[in-house]
Amino acid sequence: MQKEICLIHAFTAKESFGLELVEAYRLAAVELGITLHFTDIHTLDFDPFIYPGRAAYELESDLKDVIKSIVSSRHLAIFMPVYQAYIPTLSQAFFNKIFQTDSLGRLPAQIWGSHPGLSLKTARIISLLDHYSWMEFKVERTTQYHPLKKSVLEILDFGKVYTTTIPPYYKHANSDYRDKWVKKIKILVEKTF
C-alpha cells in the first residue's frame, strides 16, 4: 500500500518556528519517499462564516480537495498554533466545515463517500503552544484546549490519534532548542508507518 500523508497546517508567516517544523516534516517525508498532500489553510478559498445548514450551502472546492487528500492518505498530520488556550478562529472554521456531521454524528456521504475508511487511518496533532498555554499545560499535563483529538477525530473513528505538544520558542533561546525539535519532528515522520 502506498505511503501517503495528508499534512495540514495553520501557521501564518509570522510564526517562523512553526513553519520551520512543518518544513522539517515535509522534507523528512520526501526523503523517505512518502507521498505528501500539503495544505496551508491560509491559502484555501473558503468562507469561514458560512456553515452547513444554511440554504444553498455547498462545501467549497478547496475544502473538497482537502477531504480527498485525507481519504487517500493513511495518516493525517495537523500542525496547530495554540494561543492563550484557544485555537485561531480560521482553524476552527476550517475543521468545523470539513468534519461536519449529520444529526446522527456521521460524515455526510455526499462529501466523504460511502466508506471513507477512517478506522484504517492514524492521525497526529502537533500543537505549538504560546507562553500562556504552555504554563497551563505544565500544570494540567493535558491538552484540554484542543478538542480535535477526542471531540472530532476519535469520534469519527480514526484508528489511532496521537498528540505532540511543543513548548513556545523564545527569541533568546539558543539554536539547540530549535535543532532538538526539528530532529524530533523528523523522527515522528520515520515512525508513522
C-alpha atoms as a PDB file:
ATOM      1  CA  MET A   1       0.000   0.000   0.000  1.00  0.00           C
ATOM      2  CA  GLN A   2       1.248   3.472  -0.938  1.00  0.00           C
ATOM      3  CA  LYS A   3       2.567   5.522   1.978  1.00  0.00           C
ATOM      4  CA  GLU A   4       0.668   8.806   1.898  1.00  0.00           C
ATOM      5  CA  ILE A   5       0.328  11.575   4.459  1.00  0.00           C
ATOM      6  CA  CYS A   6      -2.082  14.486   4.436  1.00  0.00           C
ATOM      7  CA  LEU A   7      -0.344  17.393   6.183  1.00  0.00           C
ATOM      8  CA  ILE A   8      -2.476  20.361   7.263  1.00  0.00           C
ATOM      9  CA  HIS A   9      -1.025  23.408   8.965  1.00  0.00           C
ATOM     10  CA  ALA A  10      -2.389  26.709  10.212  1.00  0.00           C
ATOM     11  CA  PHE A  11       0.738  28.796  10.798  1.00  0.00           C
ATOM     12  CA  THR A  12       0.999  32.338   9.475  1.00  0.00           C
ATOM     13  CA  ALA A  13       4.166  33.917   8.082  1.00  0.00           C
ATOM     14  CA  LYS A  14       4.989  35.472  11.470  1.00  0.00           C
ATOM     15  CA  GLU A  15       5.115  32.030  13.101  1.00  0.00           C
ATOM     16  CA  SER A  16       8.528  31.140  11.719  1.00  0.00           C
ATOM     17  CA  PHE A  17       9.287  28.388  14.242  1.00  0.00           C
ATOM     18  CA  GLY A  18       6.034  26.604  13.411  1.00  0.00           C
ATOM     19  CA  LEU A  19       6.733  26.909   9.698  1.00  0.00           C
ATOM     20  CA  GLU A  20      10.239  25.554  10.253  1.00  0.00           C
ATOM     21  CA  LEU A  21       8.775  22.471  11.941  1.00  0.00           C
ATOM     22  CA  VAL A  22       6.297  21.972   9.096  1.00  0.00           C
ATOM     23  CA  GLU A  23       9.153  22.217   6.585  1.00  0.00           C
ATOM     24  CA  ALA A  24      11.200  19.688   8.588  1.00  0.00           C
ATOM     25  CA  TYR A  25       8.247  17.304   8.463  1.00  0.00           C
ATOM     26  CA  ARG A  26       7.803  17.838   4.717  1.00  0.00           C
ATOM     27  CA  LEU A  27      11.489  17.265   3.953  1.00  0.00           C
ATOM     28  CA  ALA A  28      11.604  14.109   6.087  1.00  0.00           C
ATOM     29  CA  ALA A  29       8.596  12.716   4.212  1.00  0.00           C
ATOM     30  CA  VAL A  30      10.229  13.478   0.847  1.00  0.00           C
ATOM     31  CA  GLU A  31      13.487  11.808   1.947  1.00  0.00           C
ATOM     32  CA  LEU A  32      11.541   8.680   2.929  1.00  0.00           C
ATOM     33  CA  GLY A  33       9.674   8.565  -0.380  1.00  0.00           C
ATOM     34  CA  ILE A  34       6.303   9.284   1.239  1.00  0.00           C
ATOM     35  CA  THR A  35       3.656  10.975  -0.892  1.00  0.00           C
ATOM     36  CA  LEU A  36       2.651  14.167   0.899  1.00  0.00           C
ATOM     37  CA  HIS A  37      -0.599  16.075   0.355  1.00  0.00           C
ATOM     38  CA  PHE A  38       0.206  19.540   1.714  1.00  0.00           C
ATOM     39  CA  THR A  39      -2.401  22.061   2.891  1.00  0.00           C
ATOM     40  CA  ASP A  40      -1.824  25.542   4.301  1.00  0.00           C
ATOM     41  CA  ILE A  41      -5.297  26.591   5.442  1.00  0.00           C
ATOM     42  CA  HIS A  42      -4.448  30.271   4.907  1.00  0.00           C
ATOM     43  CA  THR A  43      -4.178  29.675   1.157  1.00  0.00           C
ATOM     44  CA  LEU A  44      -7.565  27.966   0.813  1.00  0.00           C
ATOM     45  CA  ASP A  45     -10.515  29.732  -0.755  1.00  0.00           C
ATOM     46  CA  PHE A  46     -13.447  29.211   1.624  1.00  0.00           C
ATOM     47  CA  ASP A  47     -15.868  31.346   3.591  1.00  0.00           C
ATOM     48  CA  PRO A  48     -15.331  30.750   7.324  1.00  0.00           C
ATOM     49  CA  PHE A  49     -18.635  32.451   8.152  1.00  0.00           C
ATOM     50  CA  ILE A  50     -20.965  30.199   6.140  1.00  0.00           C
ATOM     51  CA  TYR A  51     -21.751  26.925   7.872  1.00  0.00           C
ATOM     52  CA  PRO A  52     -23.661  23.776   6.977  1.00  0.00           C
ATOM     53  CA  GLY A  53     -27.412  24.004   7.434  1.00  0.00           C
ATOM     54  CA  ARG A  54     -27.801  27.330   5.689  1.00  0.00           C
ATOM     55  CA  ALA A  55     -29.834  27.426   2.497  1.00  0.00           C
ATOM     56  CA  ALA A  56     -27.889  26.823  -0.732  1.00  0.00           C
ATOM     57  CA  TYR A  57     -24.743  25.899   1.209  1.00  0.00           C
ATOM     58  CA  GLU A  58     -22.224  23.735  -0.604  1.00  0.00           C
ATOM     59  CA  LEU A  59     -18.739  22.865   0.562  1.00  0.00           C
ATOM     60  CA  GLU A  60     -16.115  24.898  -1.312  1.00  0.00           C
ATOM     61  CA  SER A  61     -13.976  23.077  -3.879  1.00  0.00           C
ATOM     62  CA  ASP A  62     -10.726  23.754  -1.958  1.00  0.00           C
ATOM     63  CA  LEU A  63     -12.198  22.014   1.089  1.00  0.00           C
ATOM     64  CA  LYS A  64     -13.422  19.112  -1.049  1.00  0.00           C
ATOM     65  CA  ASP A  65      -9.827  18.717  -2.265  1.00  0.00           C
ATOM     66  CA  VAL A  66      -8.587  18.556   1.344  1.00  0.00           C
ATOM     67  CA  ILE A  67     -11.138  15.832   2.111  1.00  0.00           C
ATOM     68  CA  LYS A  68      -9.958  13.857  -0.941  1.00  0.00           C
ATOM     69  CA  SER A  69      -6.397  14.127   0.392  1.00  0.00           C
ATOM     70  CA  ILE A  70      -7.465  12.831   3.813  1.00  0.00           C
ATOM     71  CA  VAL A  71      -9.395   9.926   2.270  1.00  0.00           C
ATOM     72  CA  SER A  72      -6.489   8.911   0.019  1.00  0.00           C
ATOM     73  CA  SER A  73      -3.871   9.134   2.800  1.00  0.00           C
ATOM     74  CA  ARG A  74      -3.067   6.625   5.519  1.00  0.00           C
ATOM     75  CA  HIS A  75      -2.023   9.300   8.012  1.00  0.00           C
ATOM     76  CA  LEU A  76      -3.230  12.806   8.856  1.00  0.00           C
ATOM     77  CA  ALA A  77      -0.717  15.251  10.374  1.00  0.00           C
ATOM     78  CA  ILE A  78      -2.112  18.504  11.751  1.00  0.00           C
ATOM     79  CA  PHE A  79       0.195  21.333  12.851  1.00  0.00           C
ATOM     80  CA  MET A  80      -1.625  23.894  15.002  1.00  0.00           C
ATOM     81  CA  PRO A  81      -0.665  27.042  16.880  1.00  0.00           C
ATOM     82  CA  VAL A  82      -2.397  27.451  20.243  1.00  0.00           C
ATOM     83  CA  TYR A  83      -2.702  30.921  21.745  1.00  0.00           C
ATOM     84  CA  GLN A  84      -3.709  31.530  25.341  1.00  0.00           C
ATOM     85  CA  ALA A  85      -5.546  28.217  25.440  1.00  0.00           C
ATOM     86  CA  TYR A  86      -7.606  28.766  22.287  1.00  0.00           C
ATOM     87  CA  ILE A  87      -7.422  27.791  18.635  1.00  0.00           C
ATOM     88  CA  PRO A  88      -7.422  30.560  15.986  1.00  0.00           C
ATOM     89  CA  THR A  89     -10.873  31.244  14.521  1.00  0.00           C
ATOM     90  CA  LEU A  90      -9.905  30.391  10.937  1.00  0.00           C
ATOM     91  CA  SER A  91      -8.651  26.992  12.084  1.00  0.00           C
ATOM     92  CA  GLN A  92     -11.867  26.314  13.998  1.00  0.00           C
ATOM     93  CA  ALA A  93     -13.972  27.257  10.967  1.00  0.00           C
ATOM     94  CA  PHE A  94     -11.866  25.047   8.702  1.00  0.00           C
ATOM     95  CA  PHE A  95     -12.234  21.948  10.886  1.00  0.00           C
ATOM     96  CA  ASN A  96     -15.922  22.621  11.561  1.00  0.00           C
ATOM     97  CA  LYS A  97     -16.559  22.625   7.840  1.00  0.00           C
ATOM     98  CA  ILE A  98     -14.527  19.625   6.700  1.00  0.00           C
ATOM     99  CA  PHE A  99     -15.598  17.460   9.652  1.00  0.00           C
ATOM    100  CA  GLN A 100     -19.275  18.421   9.620  1.00  0.00           C
ATOM    101  CA  THR A 101     -21.588  15.550  10.541  1.00  0.00           C
ATOM    102  CA  ASP A 102     -25.268  14.755  10.133  1.00  0.00           C
ATOM    103  CA  SER A 103     -27.775  14.523  13.001  1.00  0.00           C
ATOM    104  CA  LEU A 104     -26.519  11.002  13.804  1.00  0.00           C
ATOM    105  CA  GLY A 105     -22.874  12.095  14.009  1.00  0.00           C
ATOM    106  CA  ARG A 106     -21.918  10.561  10.668  1.00  0.00           C
ATOM    107  CA  LEU A 107     -19.816  12.162   7.956  1.00  0.00           C
ATOM    108  CA  PRO A 108     -22.059  13.092   5.010  1.00  0.00           C
ATOM    109  CA  ALA A 109     -21.713  10.536   2.209  1.00  0.00           C
ATOM    110  CA  GLN A 110     -22.105  13.190  -0.495  1.00  0.00           C
ATOM    111  CA  ILE A 111     -18.820  14.732   0.699  1.00  0.00           C
ATOM    112  CA  TRP A 112     -16.833  11.800   2.103  1.00  0.00           C
ATOM    113  CA  GLY A 113     -18.213   8.916   0.055  1.00  0.00           C
ATOM    114  CA  SER A 114     -19.909   5.849   1.464  1.00  0.00           C
ATOM    115  CA  HIS A 115     -16.832   4.231   3.038  1.00  0.00           C
ATOM    116  CA  PRO A 116     -14.046   6.680   3.842  1.00  0.00           C
ATOM    117  CA  GLY A 117     -12.271   4.003   5.896  1.00  0.00           C
ATOM    118  CA  LEU A 118     -11.185   6.383   8.648  1.00  0.00           C
ATOM    119  CA  SER A 119     -10.776   3.470  11.070  1.00  0.00           C
ATOM    120  CA  LEU A 120      -7.779   2.381   8.976  1.00  0.00           C
ATOM    121  CA  LYS A 121      -6.079   5.756   9.341  1.00  0.00           C
ATOM    122  CA  THR A 122      -3.907   7.304  12.013  1.00  0.00           C
ATOM    123  CA  ALA A 123      -3.538  10.960  12.905  1.00  0.00           C
ATOM    124  CA  ARG A 124      -1.172  13.174  14.854  1.00  0.00           C
ATOM    125  CA  ILE A 125      -1.890  16.655  16.158  1.00  0.00           C
ATOM    126  CA  ILE A 126       1.284  18.696  16.666  1.00  0.00           C
ATOM    127  CA  SER A 127       0.483  21.749  18.792  1.00  0.00           C
ATOM    128  CA  LEU A 128       2.891  24.653  19.180  1.00  0.00           C
ATOM    129  CA  LEU A 129       1.884  26.500  22.352  1.00  0.00           C
ATOM    130  CA  ASP A 130       2.388  30.117  23.275  1.00  0.00           C
ATOM    131  CA  HIS A 131       3.735  31.077  26.719  1.00  0.00           C
ATOM    132  CA  TYR A 132       0.353  31.171  28.499  1.00  0.00           C
ATOM    133  CA  SER A 133      -0.861  27.895  27.031  1.00  0.00           C
ATOM    134  CA  TRP A 134       2.440  26.271  27.945  1.00  0.00           C
ATOM    135  CA  MET A 135       2.161  27.428  31.574  1.00  0.00           C
ATOM    136  CA  GLU A 136      -1.334  25.938  31.733  1.00  0.00           C
ATOM    137  CA  PHE A 137      -0.190  22.709  30.108  1.00  0.00           C
ATOM    138  CA  LYS A 138       2.641  22.334  32.649  1.00  0.00           C
ATOM    139  CA  VAL A 139       0.075  22.442  35.452  1.00  0.00           C
ATOM    140  CA  GLU A 140      -2.718  20.394  33.844  1.00  0.00           C
ATOM    141  CA  ARG A 141      -0.477  17.998  31.818  1.00  0.00           C
ATOM    142  CA  THR A 142      -3.256  17.557  29.295  1.00  0.00           C
ATOM    143  CA  THR A 143      -4.303  19.105  26.015  1.00  0.00           C
ATOM    144  CA  GLN A 144      -7.751  20.225  27.167  1.00  0.00           C
ATOM    145  CA  TYR A 145      -7.516  23.274  24.926  1.00  0.00           C
ATOM    146  CA  HIS A 146      -7.537  21.163  21.787  1.00  0.00           C
ATOM    147  CA  PRO A 147     -10.870  19.423  21.075  1.00  0.00           C
ATOM    148  CA  LEU A 148      -9.732  17.890  17.775  1.00  0.00           C
ATOM    149  CA  LYS A 149      -8.486  14.649  19.308  1.00  0.00           C
ATOM    150  CA  LYS A 150     -11.421  13.389  21.371  1.00  0.00           C
ATOM    151  CA  SER A 151     -14.286  15.524  20.115  1.00  0.00           C
ATOM    152  CA  VAL A 152     -13.578  15.107  16.410  1.00  0.00           C
ATOM    153  CA  LEU A 153     -11.005  12.586  15.171  1.00  0.00           C
ATOM    154  CA  GLU A 154     -11.698   9.801  17.670  1.00  0.00           C
ATOM    155  CA  ILE A 155     -15.465  10.193  17.332  1.00  0.00           C
ATOM    156  CA  LEU A 156     -15.057   9.966  13.562  1.00  0.00           C
ATOM    157  CA  ASP A 157     -13.335   6.614  14.145  1.00  0.00           C
ATOM    158  CA  PHE A 158      -9.713   7.357  13.232  1.00  0.00           C
ATOM    159  CA  GLY A 159      -7.811   4.222  14.181  1.00  0.00           C
ATOM    160  CA  LYS A 160      -5.336   5.984  16.459  1.00  0.00           C
ATOM    161  CA  VAL A 161      -4.854   9.678  17.249  1.00  0.00           C
ATOM    162  CA  TYR A 162      -1.563  10.864  18.744  1.00  0.00           C
ATOM    163  CA  THR A 163      -0.621  14.279  20.088  1.00  0.00           C
ATOM    164  CA  THR A 164       2.693  16.132  20.344  1.00  0.00           C
ATOM    165  CA  THR A 165       2.822  19.293  22.427  1.00  0.00           C
ATOM    166  CA  ILE A 166       5.693  21.684  21.761  1.00  0.00           C
ATOM    167  CA  PRO A 167       6.720  24.454  24.180  1.00  0.00           C
ATOM    168  CA  PRO A 168       6.971  28.003  22.842  1.00  0.00           C
ATOM    169  CA  TYR A 169      10.120  29.171  21.120  1.00  0.00           C
ATOM    170  CA  TYR A 170      11.563  32.308  22.700  1.00  0.00           C
ATOM    171  CA  LYS A 171      13.733  34.602  20.603  1.00  0.00           C
ATOM    172  CA  HIS A 172      16.539  34.441  23.138  1.00  0.00           C
ATOM    173  CA  ALA A 173      16.622  30.603  23.037  1.00  0.00           C
ATOM    174  CA  ASN A 174      19.727  29.064  21.550  1.00  0.00           C
ATOM    175  CA  SER A 175      19.760  27.113  18.315  1.00  0.00           C
ATOM    176  CA  ASP A 176      19.993  23.795  20.218  1.00  0.00           C
ATOM    177  CA  TYR A 177      16.326  24.175  21.149  1.00  0.00           C
ATOM    178  CA  ARG A 178      15.264  24.568  17.531  1.00  0.00           C
ATOM    179  CA  ASP A 179      17.541  21.733  16.378  1.00  0.00           C
ATOM    180  CA  LYS A 180      16.146  19.410  19.066  1.00  0.00           C
ATOM    181  CA  TRP A 181      12.556  19.908  17.897  1.00  0.00           C
ATOM    182  CA  VAL A 182      13.421  19.678  14.205  1.00  0.00           C
ATOM    183  CA  LYS A 183      15.033  16.285  14.922  1.00  0.00           C
ATOM    184  CA  LYS A 184      12.007  15.145  16.929  1.00  0.00           C
ATOM    185  CA  ILE A 185       9.669  16.115  14.096  1.00  0.00           C
ATOM    186  CA  LYS A 186      11.750  14.113  11.614  1.00  0.00           C
ATOM    187  CA  ILE A 187      11.588  11.089  13.926  1.00  0.00           C
ATOM    188  CA  LEU A 188       7.786  11.402  14.048  1.00  0.00           C
ATOM    189  CA  VAL A 189       7.701  11.009  10.275  1.00  0.00           C
ATOM    190  CA  GLU A 190      10.013   7.994  10.383  1.00  0.00           C
ATOM    191  CA  LYS A 191       7.749   6.274  12.940  1.00  0.00           C
ATOM    192  CA  THR A 192       4.490   6.961  11.100  1.00  0.00           C
ATOM    193  CA  PHE A 193       4.321   3.699   9.131  1.00  0.00           C
END
